[in-house]
């Protein structure tokens, strides 16, 4: 059983298309599933959307819990062994997409989470759908609290995958406490994957599986990212004097396109 989770904040027109495409894919694959939708205090009723699809349920929060808090809330509403965490602006455009991504996690007991290649509406790769784990360039970025992204066609273990589309084992998710709700928006996926890996799990990026992500329909990235980054640095790099040096090296290498 797979539980599909989508958190809404004034994105209903995207969310309806998201659910339509996911349900069509799941039905064609015959995967047992449930759909759980949460309105995050935006005033948009998810009930009519849920009524359109078998196994769908609508929930509402009286306060905006943030991305991570909203998904934590939905995770508590299911006993399904696998969670498909989705942004409302994600679309599935090829049959078998969800089944293939689920197989990455369900087919290997070492894997806690997996993410697909994200593409934009024009089909171009979306940067930062994952962060590299291996290699000198990745090591420099990670030690500075950042990420190194490069397009790839190779399935591999990574530092993190995007929370826009992620399959995660519910047991692994619960074991690390789910998303850190102090990260209201942005870097919560990096933080979750870091803790999953710290607990002994693997995080896998599979570029052979693709989903369309419109992106930036909920909040302005720049205004939210700075605060999230400060909290993330303080949480994971407090007292590490070398972090700033590695962060500077990461920025310099990025400027030089290395």
Protein backbone atom coordinates (compact mmCIF):
# COMPACT_ATOMS: atom_id res chain seq x y z
CA UNK A 1 0.00 0.00 0.00
CA UNK A 2 1.23 3.45 -0.95
CA UNK A 3 -0.05 6.65 0.63
CA UNK A 4 0.15 9.68 -1.66
CA UNK A 5 0.46 12.94 0.28
CA UNK A 6 -0.14 16.43 -1.08
CA UNK A 7 -0.19 19.60 1.02
CA UNK A 8 -2.08 22.57 -0.40
CA UNK A 9 -1.62 26.28 0.20
CA UNK A 10 -3.53 28.26 -2.40
CA UNK A 11 -2.48 25.86 -5.13
CA UNK A 12 -5.73 24.01 -5.81
CA UNK A 13 -5.62 24.46 -9.59
CA UNK A 14 -2.22 22.76 -9.66
CA UNK A 15 -3.17 20.19 -7.06
CA UNK A 16 -6.18 18.94 -9.02
CA UNK A 17 -4.00 18.24 -12.06
CA UNK A 18 -1.36 16.63 -9.83
CA UNK A 19 -3.87 14.21 -8.30
CA UNK A 20 -5.45 13.43 -11.67
CA UNK A 21 -2.13 12.40 -13.19
CA UNK A 22 -0.97 10.42 -10.17
CA UNK A 23 -4.23 8.51 -9.82
CA UNK A 24 -4.29 7.70 -13.54
CA UNK A 25 -0.77 6.30 -13.27
CA UNK A 26 -1.52 4.31 -10.12
CA UNK A 27 -4.72 2.88 -11.56
CA UNK A 28 -2.95 1.79 -14.73
CA UNK A 29 -0.27 0.05 -12.63
CA UNK A 30 -2.77 -1.55 -10.27
CA UNK A 31 -0.89 -0.35 -7.21
CA UNK A 32 -2.97 -0.31 -4.00
CA UNK A 33 -3.00 3.26 -2.77
CA UNK A 34 -4.71 5.98 -0.83
CA UNK A 35 -4.64 9.73 -1.47
CA UNK A 36 -4.39 12.12 1.47
CA UNK A 37 -4.81 15.85 0.90
CA UNK A 38 -4.29 18.64 3.42
CA UNK A 39 -5.27 22.25 3.11
CA UNK A 40 -2.70 24.18 5.12
CA UNK A 41 -5.00 26.96 6.39
CA UNK A 42 -5.36 28.54 2.95
CA UNK A 43 -9.15 28.39 2.96
CA UNK A 44 -9.40 26.09 -0.07
CA UNK A 45 -11.72 23.11 0.46
CA UNK A 46 -10.06 19.83 -0.49
CA UNK A 47 -13.32 17.91 -0.03
CA UNK A 48 -14.59 18.26 -3.61
CA UNK A 49 -11.19 17.15 -4.94
CA UNK A 50 -11.11 14.08 -2.69
CA UNK A 51 -14.65 13.13 -3.70
CA UNK A 52 -13.51 12.66 -7.29
CA UNK A 53 -11.11 9.83 -6.49
CA UNK A 54 -11.61 6.49 -4.77
CA UNK A 55 -9.54 6.16 -1.60
CA UNK A 56 -8.95 9.89 -1.30
CA UNK A 57 -9.39 11.79 1.95
CA UNK A 58 -9.36 15.51 2.69
CA UNK A 59 -7.98 17.12 5.82
CA UNK A 60 -7.70 20.73 6.93
CA UNK A 61 -5.38 22.48 9.34
CA UNK A 62 -6.50 25.56 11.25
CA UNK A 63 -2.95 26.93 11.03
CA UNK A 64 -0.28 26.87 8.37
CA UNK A 65 2.01 24.05 9.46
CA UNK A 66 4.56 24.62 6.72
CA UNK A 67 5.61 22.02 4.16
CA UNK A 68 7.19 19.61 6.63
CA UNK A 69 4.55 20.05 9.29
CA UNK A 70 1.80 19.43 6.78
CA UNK A 71 3.39 16.21 5.58
CA UNK A 72 4.02 15.08 9.15
CA UNK A 73 0.32 15.58 9.81
CA UNK A 74 -0.65 13.47 6.80
CA UNK A 75 1.86 10.76 7.65
CA UNK A 76 0.12 10.32 11.01
CA UNK A 77 -3.15 9.65 9.17
CA UNK A 78 -1.96 6.49 7.41
CA UNK A 79 -0.51 3.09 8.18
CA UNK A 80 0.68 2.51 4.61
CA UNK A 81 4.30 1.26 4.57
CA UNK A 82 5.34 3.73 1.87
CA UNK A 83 4.70 7.44 1.48
CA UNK A 84 4.77 9.34 -1.80
CA UNK A 85 5.40 12.94 -0.83
CA UNK A 86 4.44 15.34 -3.60
CA UNK A 87 4.28 19.06 -4.24
CA UNK A 88 0.91 20.13 -5.65
CA UNK A 89 2.64 21.41 -8.80
CA UNK A 90 4.05 18.02 -9.82
CA UNK A 91 2.61 16.02 -12.71
CA UNK A 92 3.15 12.41 -13.78
CA UNK A 93 3.39 12.18 -17.55
CA UNK A 94 4.34 8.56 -18.23
CA UNK A 95 2.67 5.32 -17.20
CA UNK A 96 4.46 3.26 -14.60
CA UNK A 97 6.30 6.26 -13.14
CA UNK A 98 5.21 5.81 -9.54
CA UNK A 99 5.63 2.02 -9.64
CA UNK A 100 9.19 2.35 -10.88
CA UNK A 101 10.10 4.85 -8.18
CA UNK A 102 8.43 2.72 -5.51
CA UNK A 103 10.45 -0.29 -6.66
CA UNK A 104 13.69 1.57 -5.88
CA UNK A 105 12.67 1.75 -2.23
CA UNK A 106 10.62 -1.41 -1.81
CA UNK A 107 13.11 -3.53 -3.72
CA UNK A 108 16.11 -2.84 -1.48
CA UNK A 109 15.98 -2.99 2.34
CA UNK A 110 18.94 -0.59 2.54
CA UNK A 111 17.06 2.23 0.80
CA UNK A 112 15.00 4.59 2.94
CA UNK A 113 14.00 7.13 0.29
CA UNK A 114 14.21 7.74 -3.45
CA UNK A 115 13.51 10.60 -5.79
CA UNK A 116 13.02 10.97 -9.57
CA UNK A 117 14.53 13.32 -12.10
CA UNK A 118 12.47 16.50 -12.09
CA UNK A 119 11.90 18.33 -15.34
CA UNK A 120 10.31 21.68 -16.01
CA UNK A 121 7.23 22.20 -18.16
CA UNK A 122 9.42 22.57 -21.27
CA UNK A 123 11.16 19.26 -20.54
CA UNK A 124 14.46 20.77 -19.45
CA UNK A 125 16.12 19.36 -16.31
CA UNK A 126 15.28 21.16 -13.10
CA UNK A 127 18.47 21.97 -11.21
CA UNK A 128 18.73 20.83 -7.61
CA UNK A 129 16.40 17.87 -7.67
CA UNK A 130 19.14 16.08 -5.72
CA UNK A 131 22.48 16.72 -4.07
CA UNK A 132 25.51 14.63 -4.92
CA UNK A 133 27.06 12.49 -2.21
CA UNK A 134 30.25 11.17 -3.80
CA UNK A 135 33.24 12.95 -5.30
CA UNK A 136 35.52 15.80 -4.22
CA UNK A 137 33.18 18.53 -5.47
CA UNK A 138 30.26 17.06 -3.54
CA UNK A 139 32.37 16.66 -0.40
CA UNK A 140 33.35 20.35 -0.44
CA UNK A 141 29.74 21.44 -0.85
CA UNK A 142 28.42 19.15 1.88
CA UNK A 143 31.10 20.21 4.37
CA UNK A 144 30.01 23.79 3.75
CA UNK A 145 26.36 22.94 4.37
CA UNK A 146 25.44 23.23 0.70
CA UNK A 147 24.82 20.89 -2.23
CA UNK A 148 26.44 20.06 -5.51
CA UNK A 149 24.12 19.29 -8.40
CA UNK A 150 24.99 18.02 -11.85
CA UNK A 151 22.68 16.44 -14.39
CA UNK A 152 23.16 12.69 -14.69
CA UNK A 153 21.59 9.65 -16.30
CA UNK A 154 23.00 7.26 -13.68
CA UNK A 155 21.00 5.93 -10.74
CA UNK A 156 23.07 6.54 -7.62
CA UNK A 157 23.17 7.05 -3.89
CA UNK A 158 22.92 10.75 -3.11
CA UNK A 159 22.95 13.10 -0.14
CA UNK A 160 19.33 14.10 -0.66
CA UNK A 161 16.43 14.11 -3.10
CA UNK A 162 13.84 16.83 -3.54
CA UNK A 163 10.78 16.85 -1.32
CA UNK A 164 8.79 17.87 -4.40
CA UNK A 165 8.62 14.16 -5.26
CA UNK A 166 9.94 11.55 -2.88
CA UNK A 167 9.04 7.98 -1.91
CA UNK A 168 10.04 7.17 1.65
CA UNK A 169 9.52 4.18 3.90
CA UNK A 170 7.10 5.25 6.59
CA UNK A 171 9.00 3.26 9.24
CA UNK A 172 12.22 5.10 8.36
CA UNK A 173 10.39 8.44 8.26
CA UNK A 174 8.90 7.86 11.70
CA UNK A 175 12.17 6.55 13.16
CA UNK A 176 13.89 9.90 12.54
CA UNK A 177 10.88 11.97 13.61
CA UNK A 178 9.70 12.99 10.16
CA UNK A 179 10.37 16.48 8.85
CA UNK A 180 11.84 19.06 11.19
CA UNK A 181 8.94 21.48 11.55
CA UNK A 182 11.28 24.35 12.43
CA UNK A 183 12.17 24.32 8.75
CA UNK A 184 8.95 25.93 7.58
CA UNK A 185 9.85 25.91 3.89
CA UNK A 186 13.06 24.88 2.10
CA UNK A 187 15.95 22.65 3.18
CA UNK A 188 13.55 20.33 5.00
CA UNK A 189 14.24 17.65 2.40
CA UNK A 190 18.02 18.00 2.83
CA UNK A 191 17.60 17.80 6.60
CA UNK A 192 15.33 14.74 6.44
CA UNK A 193 17.65 12.86 4.07
CA UNK A 194 20.68 13.72 6.19
CA UNK A 195 18.97 12.17 9.20
CA UNK A 196 17.80 9.14 7.21
CA UNK A 197 21.38 8.54 6.15
CA UNK A 198 22.59 9.11 9.69
CA UNK A 199 20.23 6.35 10.81
CA UNK A 200 21.85 3.95 8.33
CA UNK A 201 19.51 4.29 5.36
CA UNK A 202 20.36 5.05 1.76
CA UNK A 203 18.87 7.83 -0.32
CA UNK A 204 18.75 7.09 -4.05
CA UNK A 205 18.26 9.34 -7.06
CA UNK A 206 16.86 7.60 -10.15
CA UNK A 207 17.03 9.83 -13.24
CA UNK A 208 15.43 7.04 -15.27
CA UNK A 209 12.15 8.04 -13.61
CA UNK A 210 10.91 11.54 -14.43
CA UNK A 211 8.17 13.83 -13.16
CA UNK A 212 7.26 17.35 -14.25
CA UNK A 213 7.61 20.06 -11.61
CA UNK A 214 6.32 23.54 -12.36
CA UNK A 215 8.12 25.00 -9.33
CA UNK A 216 7.88 28.13 -7.17
CA UNK A 217 4.08 28.33 -7.07
CA UNK A 218 3.87 28.45 -3.27
CA UNK A 219 6.45 30.99 -2.09
CA UNK A 220 9.33 33.12 -3.22
CA UNK A 221 12.47 31.01 -2.91
CA UNK A 222 14.91 33.79 -2.01
CA UNK A 223 12.79 35.22 0.82
CA UNK A 224 12.34 31.84 2.52
CA UNK A 225 15.64 30.12 1.79
CA UNK A 226 17.93 32.46 3.75
CA UNK A 227 16.21 31.79 7.08
CA UNK A 228 16.02 28.05 6.42
CA UNK A 229 19.72 27.97 5.60
CA UNK A 230 20.65 29.76 8.83
CA UNK A 231 18.71 27.25 10.90
CA UNK A 232 20.13 24.30 8.96
CA UNK A 233 23.70 25.54 9.45
CA UNK A 234 23.15 26.08 13.17
CA UNK A 235 21.57 22.65 13.59
CA UNK A 236 24.15 20.58 11.75
CA UNK A 237 27.32 22.69 11.73
CA UNK A 238 27.39 24.51 15.07
CA UNK A 239 30.99 24.90 16.25
CA UNK A 240 32.52 23.69 12.98
CA UNK A 241 34.93 26.47 12.11
CA UNK A 242 35.73 24.86 8.79
CA UNK A 243 32.17 25.24 7.48
CA UNK A 244 32.64 28.80 6.29
CA UNK A 245 35.86 27.92 4.49
CA UNK A 246 34.22 25.01 2.68
CA UNK A 247 31.17 27.19 1.93
CA UNK A 248 33.44 29.84 0.39
CA UNK A 249 35.22 27.19 -1.67
CA UNK A 250 31.86 25.83 -2.82
CA UNK A 251 30.70 29.28 -3.94
CA UNK A 252 33.97 29.95 -5.74
CA UNK A 253 33.86 26.64 -7.58
CA UNK A 254 30.24 27.29 -8.55
CA UNK A 255 31.23 30.73 -9.92
CA UNK A 256 33.98 29.10 -11.94
CA UNK A 257 31.48 26.43 -13.08
CA UNK A 258 33.59 23.64 -11.63
